[in-house]
Amino acid sequence: MAALPPYHADPFDRMIVAQARSEALVLVSADRRLSSYGAELLGLT
């Protein structure tokens, strides 16, 4: 998580991104900033 760029200031969201990337999971969120991390994101509207 510490190696992730600070696109998102919320440490919990960064932790979720780190886990999704390490386990090849799809994130489900309305927060489009999470896609900046390169994790697959299923966006909600």
PDB file of N, CA and C in Angstrom:
ATOM      1  N   MET A   1       0.821  -1.188   0.000  1.00  0.00           N
ATOM      2  CA  MET A   1       0.000   0.000   0.000  1.00  0.00           C
ATOM      3  C   MET A   1       0.863   1.249   0.000  1.00  0.00           C
ATOM      4  N   ALA A   2       1.978   1.209   0.670  1.00  0.00           N
ATOM      5  CA  ALA A   2       2.841   2.382   0.747  1.00  0.00           C
ATOM      6  C   ALA A   2       3.423   2.751  -0.615  1.00  0.00           C
ATOM      7  N   ALA A   3       3.501   1.776  -1.513  1.00  0.00           N
ATOM      8  CA  ALA A   3       4.060   2.046  -2.833  1.00  0.00           C
ATOM      9  C   ALA A   3       3.050   2.653  -3.800  1.00  0.00           C
ATOM     10  N   LEU A   4       1.785   2.701  -3.419  1.00  0.00           N
ATOM     11  CA  LEU A   4       0.772   3.284  -4.304  1.00  0.00           C
ATOM     12  C   LEU A   4       0.900   4.799  -4.323  1.00  0.00           C
ATOM     13  N   PRO A   5       0.800   5.413  -5.498  1.00  0.00           N
ATOM     14  CA  PRO A   5       0.820   6.874  -5.565  1.00  0.00           C
ATOM     15  C   PRO A   5      -0.378   7.461  -4.820  1.00  0.00           C
ATOM     16  N   PRO A   6      -0.254   8.668  -4.315  1.00  0.00           N
ATOM     17  CA  PRO A   6      -1.335   9.259  -3.516  1.00  0.00           C
ATOM     18  C   PRO A   6      -2.463   9.865  -4.352  1.00  0.00           C
ATOM     19  N   TYR A   7      -3.038   9.085  -5.280  1.00  0.00           N
ATOM     20  CA  TYR A   7      -4.173   9.576  -6.059  1.00  0.00           C
ATOM     21  C   TYR A   7      -5.390   9.769  -5.161  1.00  0.00           C
ATOM     22  N   HIS A   8      -5.455   8.979  -4.107  1.00  0.00           N
ATOM     23  CA  HIS A   8      -6.605   8.993  -3.206  1.00  0.00           C
ATOM     24  C   HIS A   8      -6.065   9.119  -1.787  1.00  0.00           C
ATOM     25  N   ALA A   9      -6.547  10.070  -1.025  1.00  0.00           N
ATOM     26  CA  ALA A   9      -6.008  10.334   0.312  1.00  0.00           C
ATOM     27  C   ALA A   9      -6.529   9.374   1.379  1.00  0.00           C
ATOM     28  N   ASP A  10      -7.629   8.686   1.119  1.00  0.00           N
ATOM     29  CA  ASP A  10      -8.208   7.793   2.119  1.00  0.00           C
ATOM     30  C   ASP A  10      -7.397   6.502   2.214  1.00  0.00           C
ATOM     31  N   PRO A  11      -6.746   6.244   3.347  1.00  0.00           N
ATOM     32  CA  PRO A  11      -5.906   5.052   3.469  1.00  0.00           C
ATOM     33  C   PRO A  11      -6.696   3.753   3.351  1.00  0.00           C
ATOM     34  N   PHE A  12      -7.955   3.730   3.779  1.00  0.00           N
ATOM     35  CA  PHE A  12      -8.750   2.515   3.658  1.00  0.00           C
ATOM     36  C   PHE A  12      -9.016   2.193   2.192  1.00  0.00           C
ATOM     37  N   ASP A  13      -9.334   3.189   1.385  1.00  0.00           N
ATOM     38  CA  ASP A  13      -9.549   2.960  -0.050  1.00  0.00           C
ATOM     39  C   ASP A  13      -8.267   2.479  -0.715  1.00  0.00           C
ATOM     40  N   ARG A  14      -7.142   3.032  -0.311  1.00  0.00           N
ATOM     41  CA  ARG A  14      -5.863   2.578  -0.869  1.00  0.00           C
ATOM     42  C   ARG A  14      -5.576   1.131  -0.475  1.00  0.00           C
ATOM     43  N   MET A  15      -5.966   0.735   0.732  1.00  0.00           N
ATOM     44  CA  MET A  15      -5.788  -0.644   1.169  1.00  0.00           C
ATOM     45  C   MET A  15      -6.654  -1.588   0.331  1.00  0.00           C
ATOM     46  N   ILE A  16      -7.885  -1.172   0.036  1.00  0.00           N
ATOM     47  CA  ILE A  16      -8.770  -1.980  -0.807  1.00  0.00           C
ATOM     48  C   ILE A  16      -8.174  -2.140  -2.211  1.00  0.00           C
ATOM     49  N   VAL A  17      -7.634  -1.065  -2.762  1.00  0.00           N
ATOM     50  CA  VAL A  17      -7.004  -1.126  -4.083  1.00  0.00           C
ATOM     51  C   VAL A  17      -5.813  -2.079  -4.050  1.00  0.00           C
ATOM     52  N   ALA A  18      -4.992  -1.982  -3.030  1.00  0.00           N
ATOM     53  CA  ALA A  18      -3.812  -2.853  -2.925  1.00  0.00           C
ATOM     54  C   ALA A  18      -4.229  -4.322  -2.886  1.00  0.00           C
ATOM     55  N   GLN A  19      -5.258  -4.642  -2.129  1.00  0.00           N
ATOM     56  CA  GLN A  19      -5.717  -6.023  -2.062  1.00  0.00           C
ATOM     57  C   GLN A  19      -6.311  -6.467  -3.396  1.00  0.00           C
ATOM     58  N   ALA A  20      -7.103  -5.617  -4.028  1.00  0.00           N
ATOM     59  CA  ALA A  20      -7.702  -5.968  -5.315  1.00  0.00           C
ATOM     60  C   ALA A  20      -6.621  -6.235  -6.360  1.00  0.00           C
ATOM     61  N   ARG A  21      -5.588  -5.414  -6.363  1.00  0.00           N
ATOM     62  CA  ARG A  21      -4.509  -5.613  -7.330  1.00  0.00           C
ATOM     63  C   ARG A  21      -3.732  -6.885  -7.038  1.00  0.00           C
ATOM     64  N   SER A  22      -3.479  -7.184  -5.775  1.00  0.00           N
ATOM     65  CA  SER A  22      -2.675  -8.360  -5.448  1.00  0.00           C
ATOM     66  C   SER A  22      -3.430  -9.664  -5.683  1.00  0.00           C
ATOM     67  N   GLU A  23      -4.768  -9.614  -5.632  1.00  0.00           N
ATOM     68  CA  GLU A  23      -5.566 -10.825  -5.810  1.00  0.00           C
ATOM     69  C   GLU A  23      -6.359 -10.835  -7.108  1.00  0.00           C
ATOM     70  N   ALA A  24      -6.075  -9.890  -8.004  1.00  0.00           N
ATOM     71  CA  ALA A  24      -6.745  -9.783  -9.312  1.00  0.00           C
ATOM     72  C   ALA A  24      -8.276  -9.745  -9.153  1.00  0.00           C
ATOM     73  N   LEU A  25      -8.741  -8.897  -8.230  1.00  0.00           N
ATOM     74  CA  LEU A  25     -10.174  -8.732  -7.985  1.00  0.00           C
ATOM     75  C   LEU A  25     -10.700  -7.502  -8.718  1.00  0.00           C
ATOM     76  N   VAL A  26     -12.003  -7.445  -8.935  1.00  0.00           N
ATOM     77  CA  VAL A  26     -12.656  -6.288  -9.539  1.00  0.00           C
ATOM     78  C   VAL A  26     -13.234  -5.432  -8.419  1.00  0.00           C
ATOM     79  N   LEU A  27     -12.905  -4.156  -8.414  1.00  0.00           N
ATOM     80  CA  LEU A  27     -13.464  -3.227  -7.439  1.00  0.00           C
ATOM     81  C   LEU A  27     -14.838  -2.775  -7.903  1.00  0.00           C
ATOM     82  N   VAL A  28     -15.764  -2.664  -6.978  1.00  0.00           N
ATOM     83  CA  VAL A  28     -17.095  -2.136  -7.270  1.00  0.00           C
ATOM     84  C   VAL A  28     -17.238  -0.857  -6.457  1.00  0.00           C
ATOM     85  N   SER A  29     -17.268   0.281  -7.151  1.00  0.00           N
ATOM     86  CA  SER A  29     -17.309   1.565  -6.460  1.00  0.00           C
ATOM     87  C   SER A  29     -17.787   2.659  -7.402  1.00  0.00           C
ATOM     88  N   ALA A  30     -18.369   3.683  -6.820  1.00  0.00           N
ATOM     89  CA  ALA A  30     -18.746   4.865  -7.593  1.00  0.00           C
ATOM     90  C   ALA A  30     -17.602   5.875  -7.630  1.00  0.00           C
ATOM     91  N   ASP A  31     -16.534   5.610  -6.904  1.00  0.00           N
ATOM     92  CA  ASP A  31     -15.390   6.517  -6.821  1.00  0.00           C
ATOM     93  C   ASP A  31     -14.448   6.286  -8.005  1.00  0.00           C
ATOM     94  N   ARG A  32     -14.553   7.116  -9.005  1.00  0.00           N
ATOM     95  CA  ARG A  32     -13.758   6.960 -10.229  1.00  0.00           C
ATOM     96  C   ARG A  32     -12.261   7.155 -10.003  1.00  0.00           C
ATOM     97  N   ARG A  33     -11.873   7.807  -8.896  1.00  0.00           N
ATOM     98  CA  ARG A  33     -10.448   8.021  -8.629  1.00  0.00           C
ATOM     99  C   ARG A  33      -9.715   6.706  -8.428  1.00  0.00           C
ATOM    100  N   LEU A  34     -10.425   5.669  -8.032  1.00  0.00           N
ATOM    101  CA  LEU A  34      -9.781   4.377  -7.804  1.00  0.00           C
ATOM    102  C   LEU A  34      -9.258   3.765  -9.101  1.00  0.00           C
ATOM    103  N   SER A  35      -9.842   4.120 -10.232  1.00  0.00           N
ATOM    104  CA  SER A  35      -9.362   3.583 -11.507  1.00  0.00           C
ATOM    105  C   SER A  35      -7.976   4.103 -11.858  1.00  0.00           C
ATOM    106  N   SER A  36      -7.536   5.178 -11.224  1.00  0.00           N
ATOM    107  CA  SER A  36      -6.197   5.722 -11.463  1.00  0.00           C
ATOM    108  C   SER A  36      -5.100   4.763 -11.038  1.00  0.00           C
ATOM    109  N   TYR A  37      -5.427   3.800 -10.192  1.00  0.00           N
ATOM    110  CA  TYR A  37      -4.444   2.851  -9.690  1.00  0.00           C
ATOM    111  C   TYR A  37      -4.242   1.656 -10.596  1.00  0.00           C
ATOM    112  N   GLY A  38      -5.006   1.551 -11.658  1.00  0.00           N
ATOM    113  CA  GLY A  38      -4.824   0.455 -12.595  1.00  0.00           C
ATOM    114  C   GLY A  38      -5.575  -0.817 -12.214  1.00  0.00           C
ATOM    115  N   ALA A  39      -6.348  -0.770 -11.144  1.00  0.00           N
ATOM    116  CA  ALA A  39      -7.171  -1.925 -10.778  1.00  0.00           C
ATOM    117  C   ALA A  39      -8.435  -1.887 -11.631  1.00  0.00           C
ATOM    118  N   GLU A  40      -8.980  -3.070 -11.910  1.00  0.00           N
ATOM    119  CA  GLU A  40     -10.223  -3.115 -12.678  1.00  0.00           C
ATOM    120  C   GLU A  40     -11.348  -2.578 -11.804  1.00  0.00           C
ATOM    121  N   LEU A  41     -12.144  -1.686 -12.363  1.00  0.00           N
ATOM    122  CA  LEU A  41     -13.190  -1.023 -11.596  1.00  0.00           C
ATOM    123  C   LEU A  41     -14.521  -1.157 -12.301  1.00  0.00           C
ATOM    124  N   LEU A  42     -15.499  -1.662 -11.583  1.00  0.00           N
ATOM    125  CA  LEU A  42     -16.874  -1.704 -12.049  1.00  0.00           C
ATOM    126  C   LEU A  42     -17.551  -0.509 -11.412  1.00  0.00           C
ATOM    127  N   GLY A  43     -17.760   0.541 -12.176  1.00  0.00           N
ATOM    128  CA  GLY A  43     -18.301   1.780 -11.630  1.00  0.00           C
ATOM    129  C   GLY A  43     -19.797   1.758 -11.477  1.00  0.00           C
ATOM    130  N   LEU A  44     -20.253   2.370 -10.425  1.00  0.00           N
ATOM    131  CA  LEU A  44     -21.680   2.519 -10.167  1.00  0.00           C
ATOM    132  C   LEU A  44     -22.088   3.942 -10.475  1.00  0.00           C
ATOM    133  N   THR A  45     -23.304   4.119 -10.918  1.00  0.00           N
ATOM    134  CA  THR A  45     -23.775   5.481 -11.178  1.00  0.00           C
ATOM    135  C   THR A  45     -24.831   5.899 -10.200  1.00  0.00           C
TER     136      THR A  45
END
